[in-house]
Structures are given as structure tokens and as C-alpha cells.
Amino acid sequence: MQKRYIMAPGPTAAAPEVLLKMAEPIMHHRSPQFSEILTEVREDLKWLFKTQNDVFILASSGTGAMEASVVNLLSPGDSAIVVRAGKFGERWAELCETNGIKPINIDITWGEAVRVEDIEKAINDHPEAKAVFIQAHETSTGVKHPIKEIGELLKDKNICFVVDAISAIGVYDIETDKWGLDIVVSGSQKAFGLPPGLSMLSVSQKAWSFIEESKCPKYYFNLLKEKKALNKKTTAFTSAVSLIIGLGEVLKDWKKQGHEKLFKHHKILAEATRAGITAMGLEIFSKVPSESITVVKAPEGINGQDVVKILREEFGITIAGGQAQLKGKIFRISHMGHLDQWDMIVALAAVERALKKLGHDVEFGKSIAAAQAYFAAHEE
């Protein structure tokens, strides 16, 4: 018998008690009982996002909320500044192009973060731009962008700041209101440790002024419809009832922990994992690494996809490889979802074994010792 672990950056491992809660009999999405649950979940999301703005829940993956941001804010022919520093930055540009919006792309070397000066220059060069689209954390590279500093730059300008925080919310601090973030997007399959299928987005008062003028076609992803439904304690279309109930359970647990403990947990997992990777003689790919995942450069002569394949097929551990131009060059270990320090020890041990099988010179136990030492010195 082989135990299976999921340590990829989405979908992530779910807690058994949350899965059991979602397995309870379905209630109707228009019932008073569900309206009460939905209202509580939305309030708890406001706590997590650190916002007084409304937070909407859509039955879609995170990409759905990304598309909702584009089509509700803008009109065909508009321009928007897009930070392309990885696969998901490219997605913002693709969503703009699909909907007749001109992306003004800021192309950043994969593995590096955008600079505030890059954003400022783009705005000065393109005063017609109506939005800035960026990732808080670019999942394909493991890099954090300076969202707080960019928010301060844009706060008093007539331009909307839209942040894909799908793999950041619940992992590290995102101060939506304080930093002036107009739309913040998240998804169920990352830190929440839920199955894929829910996306969430907060919407500022500034954003609503853009939404009311938007001419992009939209039907399901119409936030004005969702606003009307929210005022009636429901959703515009059929709610993902079981997933929302599961989300409620996760949020209740997180509120008991508090922001500080929640973020500290992910920071400890990330730092210990990176200590182990470095002790193994490997190099971290991300120049500004996130607490969400550890992205590792594959050693010279080793295909990162082979590391992923051995872990999955021989050891029962699912991590992730590189995407697009990084395929074969990196592998990615998640710290999100229902994981703890012992899961990270397992991942490090498995990477040692896989590299040994592939002919790389590895000293067994070195990475585990480094991670153990870190965990021992930083008890949660």
C-alpha cells in the first residue's frame, strides 16, 4: 500500500474534516439556511482579505474571477498595463486581448519581480491606461511582486489596481484596503485546501465607478448582477453549495488561529523547506521567493520533469514541474493546503531519493537535518 501526498501548488491537500462537512446532504442554494451560511462566509472573507468591500463568490476556477475583473472594469478599445513575469501574468494579457482590450505589457525575466519604477514608467508613457493587472505571487516562478508599494503609487490615480492573489491570500498578509487594491482575486484550490471550483474577488468603490461604465459583453460574470444578488443574501446563479460550506469551515478555523499564526505557519514551512533544499546543494529559482511554494532549479544534467515523475509514480508524492520556458528546468514544492512540517520532511526526503536515482550526487539526510533544525528553532 502506498500513501499519496499532494504537494503541488493547486489543487492542494484538503483537511479530512472539511471533506466530511462537504459530504453532508445538499441544501438548496435559495433556502434561508444557505443564505445564512453564505452571508457568514462573505463576512469571513472580508476578514481574510482585510477589506470593508464586498467579496463575491463565483462557481469557477480562479481564472473565472480574473476574466470577471477584465470584462467588468473595461470596454473594448481600452488599454491596460499588464505585468508579464510568468505564465499567469501572460494570462492577464490573453484575457485582455480576448475581450478587445489592448494590453501594455511589462515583460519581466521569469524568476524576478517587477519594480515599482517599471509600473510608474508605464503609467507615464500610457496615461490612457485604465487598469494595472498583476499577480501578488506568480505561481509559475514562485516570485512575490511589491503589491503594497505599487498600491501606494496607484491609490490616488484614476486607474484600477487588480491583483491576482490566488496563491497568496491565506498564505501571507494582503492588506486590501490599506494598500489601495481595487480588485483582489483568489481561488479555492490553493491555500484554502478545497477542491477546485470556487473563485472570490473583492471590489472597491473606485472599481464600481469603472464597472458602471464598462461595455464589455458579460452574462455569467456580471458583477452588477452579483451585487444585486448579494443584497438579497444570495448569488446571481446557482451557488456551489458544498464548496461554500467547506470554505466556511476553513475560514472558521483560520479565524480561530488569527492572521498572525496563519501567516507564520506558511513562513515556517517555506523557510524550512528552502533550508533543506539549500543544504542539498540545490539553488532556489525565485529571486523574491514566496511563502506559497519553493521553486528549485534542477541540477545541471537533470530534467526537472523526471524529478516530478519519480516522486509521483514511484513515491506517491505529487509536486509540480516548470511551465512553458521553464519546463524541465525547475520543480515546485507547495506549502499550501492541509500540510504541516512533517509533510515537508517527506518531500525533501523524496527529492533526495529521486535525484540519487537520476545519478546526482546527494548525501542522504542532509536536507532533512537542515529542515529539522529550522523547525526545532521556530516552533509554531
Protein backbone atom coordinates (compact mmCIF):
# COMPACT_ATOMS: atom_id res chain seq x y z
CA MET A 1 0.00 0.00 0.00
CA GLN A 2 1.29 3.46 -0.88
CA LYS A 3 0.17 6.62 0.86
CA ARG A 4 -0.36 9.52 -1.52
CA TYR A 5 0.59 13.14 -0.91
CA ILE A 6 -0.45 16.16 -2.96
CA MET A 7 2.13 18.93 -2.66
CA ALA A 8 1.59 20.74 -5.94
CA PRO A 9 0.57 24.42 -5.97
CA GLY A 10 -3.05 23.56 -6.73
CA PRO A 11 -5.09 21.59 -6.24
CA THR A 12 -3.80 21.25 -2.70
CA ALA A 13 -4.45 18.78 0.13
CA ALA A 14 -7.79 19.13 1.92
CA ALA A 15 -8.40 18.50 5.62
CA PRO A 16 -10.50 15.34 6.26
CA GLU A 17 -12.94 17.22 8.50
CA VAL A 18 -13.60 19.76 5.72
CA LEU A 19 -14.19 17.00 3.17
CA LEU A 20 -16.61 15.31 5.57
CA LYS A 21 -18.51 18.57 6.03
CA MET A 22 -18.85 18.91 2.27
CA ALA A 23 -20.14 15.33 2.08
CA GLU A 24 -23.24 16.19 4.12
CA PRO A 25 -26.59 16.23 2.28
CA ILE A 26 -27.00 19.11 -0.16
CA MET A 27 -29.17 22.05 0.86
CA HIS A 28 -30.94 24.24 -1.66
CA HIS A 29 -29.00 27.31 -2.75
CA ARG A 30 -32.05 29.59 -2.38
CA SER A 31 -33.00 28.37 1.09
CA PRO A 32 -32.86 30.67 4.15
CA GLN A 33 -30.43 28.22 5.77
CA PHE A 34 -27.94 28.55 2.94
CA SER A 35 -28.36 32.34 2.76
CA GLU A 36 -27.28 32.48 6.39
CA ILE A 37 -24.17 30.38 5.66
CA LEU A 38 -23.35 32.41 2.54
CA THR A 39 -23.61 35.70 4.45
CA GLU A 40 -21.28 34.44 7.18
CA VAL A 41 -18.75 33.15 4.64
CA ARG A 42 -18.71 36.50 2.84
CA GLU A 43 -18.09 38.34 6.12
CA ASP A 44 -15.26 35.94 6.98
CA LEU A 45 -13.74 36.50 3.54
CA LYS A 46 -13.75 40.24 4.25
CA TRP A 47 -11.78 39.46 7.43
CA LEU A 48 -9.27 37.39 5.45
CA PHE A 49 -8.91 39.93 2.63
CA LYS A 50 -8.66 42.75 5.21
CA THR A 51 -11.35 44.75 3.46
CA GLN A 52 -14.65 46.50 4.07
CA ASN A 53 -15.50 45.97 0.40
CA ASP A 54 -17.93 43.34 -0.80
CA VAL A 55 -16.38 39.97 -1.64
CA PHE A 56 -18.13 37.95 -4.34
CA ILE A 57 -18.02 34.16 -4.77
CA LEU A 58 -18.25 32.63 -8.24
CA ALA A 59 -18.59 28.97 -9.22
CA SER A 60 -15.43 28.88 -11.33
CA SER A 61 -11.70 28.40 -11.04
CA GLY A 62 -9.60 31.46 -10.25
CA THR A 63 -9.36 32.25 -13.95
CA GLY A 64 -13.10 32.96 -13.93
CA ALA A 65 -12.62 35.75 -11.40
CA MET A 66 -9.68 37.03 -13.44
CA GLU A 67 -11.93 37.23 -16.51
CA ALA A 68 -14.68 38.84 -14.43
CA SER A 69 -12.21 41.54 -13.41
CA VAL A 70 -11.32 42.30 -17.02
CA VAL A 71 -14.80 42.30 -18.55
CA ASN A 72 -16.45 44.24 -15.72
CA LEU A 73 -13.88 47.01 -15.42
CA LEU A 74 -13.09 47.77 -19.06
CA SER A 75 -14.55 48.29 -22.50
CA PRO A 76 -13.35 47.18 -25.94
CA GLY A 77 -10.68 49.59 -27.14
CA ASP A 78 -9.43 50.41 -23.63
CA SER A 79 -5.80 49.92 -22.64
CA ALA A 80 -4.45 48.21 -19.52
CA ILE A 81 -0.96 47.72 -18.11
CA VAL A 82 -0.09 44.05 -17.61
CA VAL A 83 2.89 42.67 -15.70
CA ARG A 84 4.05 39.54 -17.56
CA ALA A 85 6.56 37.83 -15.29
CA GLY A 86 5.35 34.25 -15.71
CA LYS A 87 2.60 32.02 -17.06
CA PHE A 88 -0.18 33.70 -15.11
CA GLY A 89 0.92 37.21 -15.96
CA GLU A 90 0.59 36.13 -19.57
CA ARG A 91 -2.96 35.04 -18.76
CA TRP A 92 -3.92 38.61 -17.86
CA ALA A 93 -2.71 39.74 -21.28
CA GLU A 94 -4.58 36.93 -23.04
CA LEU A 95 -7.82 37.81 -21.21
CA CYS A 96 -7.43 41.43 -22.27
CA GLU A 97 -6.77 40.54 -25.91
CA THR A 98 -9.72 38.13 -25.99
CA ASN A 99 -12.05 40.92 -24.89
CA GLY A 100 -10.79 43.64 -27.24
CA ILE A 101 -8.62 45.41 -24.67
CA LYS A 102 -5.07 46.45 -25.56
CA PRO A 103 -2.51 45.09 -23.07
CA ILE A 104 0.51 47.30 -22.44
CA ASN A 105 2.90 44.56 -21.40
CA ILE A 106 5.72 44.96 -18.91
CA ASP A 107 7.84 41.89 -19.59
CA ILE A 108 9.95 40.77 -16.64
CA THR A 109 12.56 38.00 -16.67
CA TRP A 110 10.94 34.89 -15.20
CA GLY A 111 12.15 34.43 -11.64
CA GLU A 112 12.38 38.19 -10.98
CA ALA A 113 9.89 40.69 -9.56
CA VAL A 114 8.63 43.84 -11.23
CA ARG A 115 9.95 47.15 -9.87
CA VAL A 116 7.66 50.00 -8.85
CA GLU A 117 9.62 52.21 -11.26
CA ASP A 118 8.56 49.90 -14.12
CA ILE A 119 4.90 50.49 -13.27
CA GLU A 120 5.41 54.23 -12.87
CA LYS A 121 7.12 54.49 -16.26
CA ALA A 122 4.35 52.53 -17.97
CA ILE A 123 1.72 54.83 -16.47
CA ASN A 124 3.62 57.94 -17.53
CA ASP A 125 4.13 56.56 -21.04
CA HIS A 126 0.48 55.44 -21.30
CA PRO A 127 -1.76 57.87 -19.39
CA GLU A 128 -4.76 56.38 -21.22
CA ALA A 129 -4.40 53.04 -19.35
CA LYS A 130 -7.40 52.31 -17.15
CA ALA A 131 -6.09 49.37 -15.11
CA VAL A 132 -2.96 47.61 -13.91
CA PHE A 133 -3.11 43.80 -13.80
CA ILE A 134 -0.56 41.83 -11.77
CA GLN A 135 -0.01 38.75 -9.62
CA ALA A 136 0.66 39.13 -5.90
CA HIS A 137 2.52 35.85 -6.27
CA GLU A 138 3.40 34.45 -9.70
CA THR A 139 2.80 30.73 -9.10
CA SER A 140 4.81 29.62 -12.13
CA THR A 141 8.02 31.20 -10.81
CA GLY A 142 7.45 31.46 -7.04
CA VAL A 143 8.06 35.22 -7.08
CA LYS A 144 6.29 37.85 -4.96
CA HIS A 145 5.65 41.26 -6.51
CA PRO A 146 5.76 44.52 -4.45
CA ILE A 147 1.98 44.90 -4.25
CA LYS A 148 1.98 47.25 -1.27
CA GLU A 149 4.36 49.70 -2.92
CA ILE A 150 2.52 49.59 -6.26
CA GLY A 151 -0.76 50.16 -4.42
CA GLU A 152 0.65 53.28 -2.80
CA LEU A 153 1.70 54.55 -6.24
CA LEU A 154 -1.76 53.99 -7.76
CA LYS A 155 -4.04 54.75 -4.82
CA ASP A 156 -4.83 58.36 -5.76
CA LYS A 157 -4.77 57.88 -9.53
CA ASN A 158 -7.78 57.27 -11.77
CA ILE A 159 -6.62 53.76 -12.60
CA CYS A 160 -7.77 50.44 -11.13
CA PHE A 161 -5.26 48.14 -9.47
CA VAL A 162 -6.22 44.48 -9.99
CA VAL A 163 -4.30 41.78 -8.12
CA ASP A 164 -4.37 38.04 -8.75
CA ALA A 165 -3.80 36.78 -5.20
CA ILE A 166 -4.99 33.25 -5.99
CA SER A 167 -1.89 31.67 -4.43
CA ALA A 168 -1.26 34.49 -1.92
CA ILE A 169 -4.48 35.01 0.04
CA GLY A 170 -4.33 32.96 3.24
CA VAL A 171 -0.56 32.48 2.89
CA TYR A 172 0.85 35.91 3.67
CA ASP A 173 -0.51 39.32 4.52
CA ILE A 174 -2.54 41.14 1.85
CA GLU A 175 -3.91 44.48 3.14
CA THR A 176 -6.60 45.07 0.51
CA ASP A 177 -7.98 48.38 1.79
CA LYS A 178 -4.85 49.79 3.39
CA TRP A 179 -2.78 49.21 0.23
CA GLY A 180 -5.46 50.51 -2.17
CA LEU A 181 -6.12 47.27 -4.03
CA ASP A 182 -9.24 47.73 -6.15
CA ILE A 183 -9.92 44.11 -7.11
CA VAL A 184 -8.30 41.15 -5.38
CA VAL A 185 -8.86 37.67 -6.79
CA SER A 186 -8.50 34.30 -5.05
CA GLY A 187 -9.42 30.64 -5.61
CA SER A 188 -10.44 27.64 -3.55
CA GLN A 189 -7.77 25.17 -4.67
CA LYS A 190 -4.73 26.96 -3.18
CA ALA A 191 -4.25 27.96 0.47
CA PHE A 192 -7.86 27.15 1.35
CA GLY A 193 -7.19 23.45 0.74
CA LEU A 194 -10.50 22.94 -1.06
CA PRO A 195 -11.30 21.23 -4.37
CA PRO A 196 -11.14 23.50 -7.43
CA GLY A 197 -14.36 25.28 -8.37
CA LEU A 198 -14.66 28.50 -6.35
CA SER A 199 -13.22 31.90 -7.09
CA MET A 200 -13.56 35.03 -4.97
CA LEU A 201 -12.97 38.69 -5.65
CA SER A 202 -13.23 41.87 -3.59
CA VAL A 203 -14.35 45.06 -5.33
CA SER A 204 -13.53 48.62 -4.18
CA GLN A 205 -15.69 51.72 -4.50
CA LYS A 206 -13.28 53.06 -7.13
CA ALA A 207 -13.72 49.84 -9.13
CA TRP A 208 -17.52 50.20 -9.07
CA SER A 209 -17.26 53.55 -10.87
CA PHE A 210 -15.42 51.74 -13.70
CA ILE A 211 -17.82 48.77 -13.64
CA GLU A 212 -20.82 51.02 -14.17
CA GLU A 213 -19.23 52.36 -17.40
CA SER A 214 -17.95 49.02 -18.76
CA LYS A 215 -19.15 47.97 -22.21
CA CYS A 216 -17.57 44.50 -22.43
CA PRO A 217 -20.13 41.75 -23.01
CA LYS A 218 -20.74 39.55 -19.96
CA TYR A 219 -23.53 37.35 -18.72
CA TYR A 220 -22.42 34.88 -16.05
CA PHE A 221 -19.50 37.06 -14.90
CA ASN A 222 -21.66 40.18 -14.46
CA LEU A 223 -20.72 41.80 -11.14
CA LEU A 224 -23.67 44.22 -11.23
CA LYS A 225 -25.96 41.16 -11.22
CA GLU A 226 -23.92 39.67 -8.38
CA LYS A 227 -24.19 42.94 -6.42
CA LYS A 228 -27.98 42.82 -6.66
CA ALA A 229 -27.97 39.17 -5.58
CA LEU A 230 -25.62 39.90 -2.66
CA ASN A 231 -28.11 42.47 -1.34
CA LYS A 232 -30.66 39.63 -1.27
CA LYS A 233 -28.18 37.31 0.54
CA THR A 234 -27.81 35.02 -2.45
CA THR A 235 -25.85 34.66 -5.71
CA ALA A 236 -26.97 35.59 -9.22
CA PHE A 237 -26.73 31.97 -10.42
CA THR A 238 -26.60 28.57 -8.76
CA SER A 239 -24.18 28.58 -5.85
CA ALA A 240 -21.54 25.87 -5.42
CA VAL A 241 -23.25 24.90 -2.18
CA SER A 242 -20.94 22.17 -0.89
CA LEU A 243 -17.77 24.07 -1.74
CA ILE A 244 -19.05 27.20 0.01
CA ILE A 245 -19.90 25.16 3.09
CA GLY A 246 -16.36 23.76 3.00
CA LEU A 247 -14.98 27.28 2.60
CA GLY A 248 -16.93 28.30 5.67
CA GLU A 249 -15.29 25.54 7.71
CA VAL A 250 -11.81 26.59 6.60
CA LEU A 251 -12.48 30.24 7.40
CA LYS A 252 -13.84 29.41 10.87
CA ASP A 253 -10.62 27.54 11.64
CA TRP A 254 -8.47 30.36 10.29
CA LYS A 255 -10.31 32.97 12.35
CA LYS A 256 -9.63 30.91 15.47
CA GLN A 257 -5.94 30.90 14.58
CA GLY A 258 -5.83 34.57 13.62
CA HIS A 259 -3.90 36.23 10.80
CA GLU A 260 -0.55 36.21 12.55
CA LYS A 261 -0.50 32.48 13.30
CA LEU A 262 -1.83 31.60 9.83
CA PHE A 263 0.89 33.56 8.04
CA LYS A 264 3.60 32.37 10.43
CA HIS A 265 2.69 28.74 9.64
CA HIS A 266 3.34 29.22 5.92
CA LYS A 267 6.51 31.22 6.52
CA ILE A 268 7.96 28.44 8.70
CA LEU A 269 7.13 25.74 6.13
CA ALA A 270 8.70 27.82 3.36
CA GLU A 271 11.88 28.73 5.22
CA ALA A 272 12.47 25.18 6.47
CA THR A 273 11.93 23.72 3.01
CA ARG A 274 14.34 26.20 1.46
CA ALA A 275 16.89 25.47 4.19
CA GLY A 276 16.63 21.79 3.23
CA ILE A 277 16.90 22.46 -0.50
CA THR A 278 19.98 24.66 0.00
CA ALA A 279 21.60 22.07 2.28
CA MET A 280 21.11 19.56 -0.53
CA GLY A 281 23.29 21.78 -2.71
CA LEU A 282 20.41 22.97 -4.89
CA GLU A 283 19.53 26.54 -5.84
CA ILE A 284 16.27 28.42 -5.27
CA PHE A 285 14.98 29.77 -8.59
CA SER A 286 12.90 32.71 -7.30
CA LYS A 287 14.75 35.98 -6.69
CA VAL A 288 11.98 37.20 -4.33
CA PRO A 289 10.55 33.91 -3.03
CA SER A 290 7.02 33.50 -1.73
CA GLU A 291 5.77 31.62 1.30
CA SER A 292 3.42 29.71 -1.03
CA ILE A 293 5.88 27.44 -2.84
CA THR A 294 9.55 26.60 -3.11
CA VAL A 295 10.78 26.69 -6.71
CA VAL A 296 14.02 24.75 -7.22
CA LYS A 297 16.45 24.90 -10.12
CA ALA A 298 17.04 21.40 -11.46
CA PRO A 299 20.75 20.46 -11.14
CA GLU A 300 22.92 20.52 -14.24
CA GLY A 301 22.18 17.47 -16.39
CA ILE A 302 18.90 16.65 -14.58
CA ASN A 303 15.48 17.19 -16.16
CA GLY A 304 13.13 18.65 -13.55
CA GLN A 305 10.22 16.76 -15.12
CA ASP A 306 11.99 13.49 -14.27
CA VAL A 307 12.13 14.52 -10.61
CA VAL A 308 8.39 15.21 -10.71
CA LYS A 309 7.69 11.88 -12.45
CA ILE A 310 9.67 9.76 -9.97
CA LEU A 311 8.02 11.43 -6.99
CA ARG A 312 4.55 10.93 -8.45
CA GLU A 313 4.82 7.45 -9.96
CA GLU A 314 7.25 5.75 -7.56
CA PHE A 315 6.80 7.59 -4.25
CA GLY A 316 3.15 8.70 -4.46
CA ILE A 317 4.04 12.38 -4.00
CA THR A 318 2.67 14.98 -6.42
CA ILE A 319 4.74 18.14 -6.82
CA ALA A 320 4.85 20.34 -9.94
CA GLY A 321 7.29 20.94 -12.74
CA GLY A 322 8.02 24.05 -14.72
CA GLN A 323 5.66 25.57 -17.27
CA ALA A 324 6.39 26.89 -20.77
CA GLN A 325 10.01 28.07 -21.00
CA LEU A 326 10.79 26.65 -17.52
CA LYS A 327 9.69 23.10 -18.35
CA GLY A 328 12.45 20.68 -17.31
CA LYS A 329 14.45 23.48 -15.68
CA ILE A 330 12.70 23.68 -12.30
CA PHE A 331 10.42 21.78 -9.94
CA ARG A 332 7.97 23.28 -7.44
CA ILE A 333 7.02 22.15 -3.92
CA SER A 334 3.89 23.71 -2.41
CA HIS A 335 3.41 24.79 1.21
CA MET A 336 -0.30 25.47 0.73
CA GLY A 337 -3.32 23.49 1.85
CA HIS A 338 -3.54 20.89 4.61
CA LEU A 339 0.21 20.44 5.10
CA ASP A 340 2.49 20.57 8.11
CA GLN A 341 6.21 20.29 8.91
CA TRP A 342 6.25 16.51 8.58
CA ASP A 343 4.90 16.73 5.03
CA MET A 344 7.81 18.98 4.12
CA ILE A 345 10.26 16.47 5.61
CA VAL A 346 8.68 13.77 3.43
CA ALA A 347 9.02 15.95 0.32
CA LEU A 348 12.68 16.70 0.97
CA ALA A 349 13.49 13.02 1.58
CA ALA A 350 11.73 12.09 -1.66
CA VAL A 351 13.64 14.73 -3.66
CA GLU A 352 16.92 13.32 -2.30
CA ARG A 353 15.94 9.81 -3.39
CA ALA A 354 14.76 10.95 -6.83
CA LEU A 355 17.96 12.87 -7.52
CA LYS A 356 20.03 9.87 -6.42
CA LYS A 357 18.09 7.67 -8.85
CA LEU A 358 18.84 10.18 -11.60
CA GLY A 359 22.56 9.98 -10.91
CA HIS A 360 23.01 13.23 -8.99
CA ASP A 361 25.46 13.22 -6.09
CA VAL A 362 23.27 13.50 -2.97
CA GLU A 363 24.13 12.97 0.68
CA PHE A 364 21.05 11.34 2.21
CA GLY A 365 19.61 13.13 5.21
CA LYS A 366 21.41 16.44 4.79
CA SER A 367 18.32 18.34 3.68
CA ILE A 368 16.20 16.71 6.38
CA ALA A 369 18.68 17.69 9.09
CA ALA A 370 18.62 21.32 7.95
CA ALA A 371 14.83 21.43 7.85
CA GLN A 372 14.53 19.71 11.23
CA ALA A 373 16.92 22.23 12.75
CA TYR A 374 14.85 25.09 11.38
CA PHE A 375 11.58 23.60 12.62
CA ALA A 376 13.05 22.98 16.06
CA ALA A 377 14.19 26.59 16.31
CA HIS A 378 10.85 28.01 15.12
CA GLU A 379 8.15 26.06 16.92
CA GLU A 380 4.62 27.09 15.93
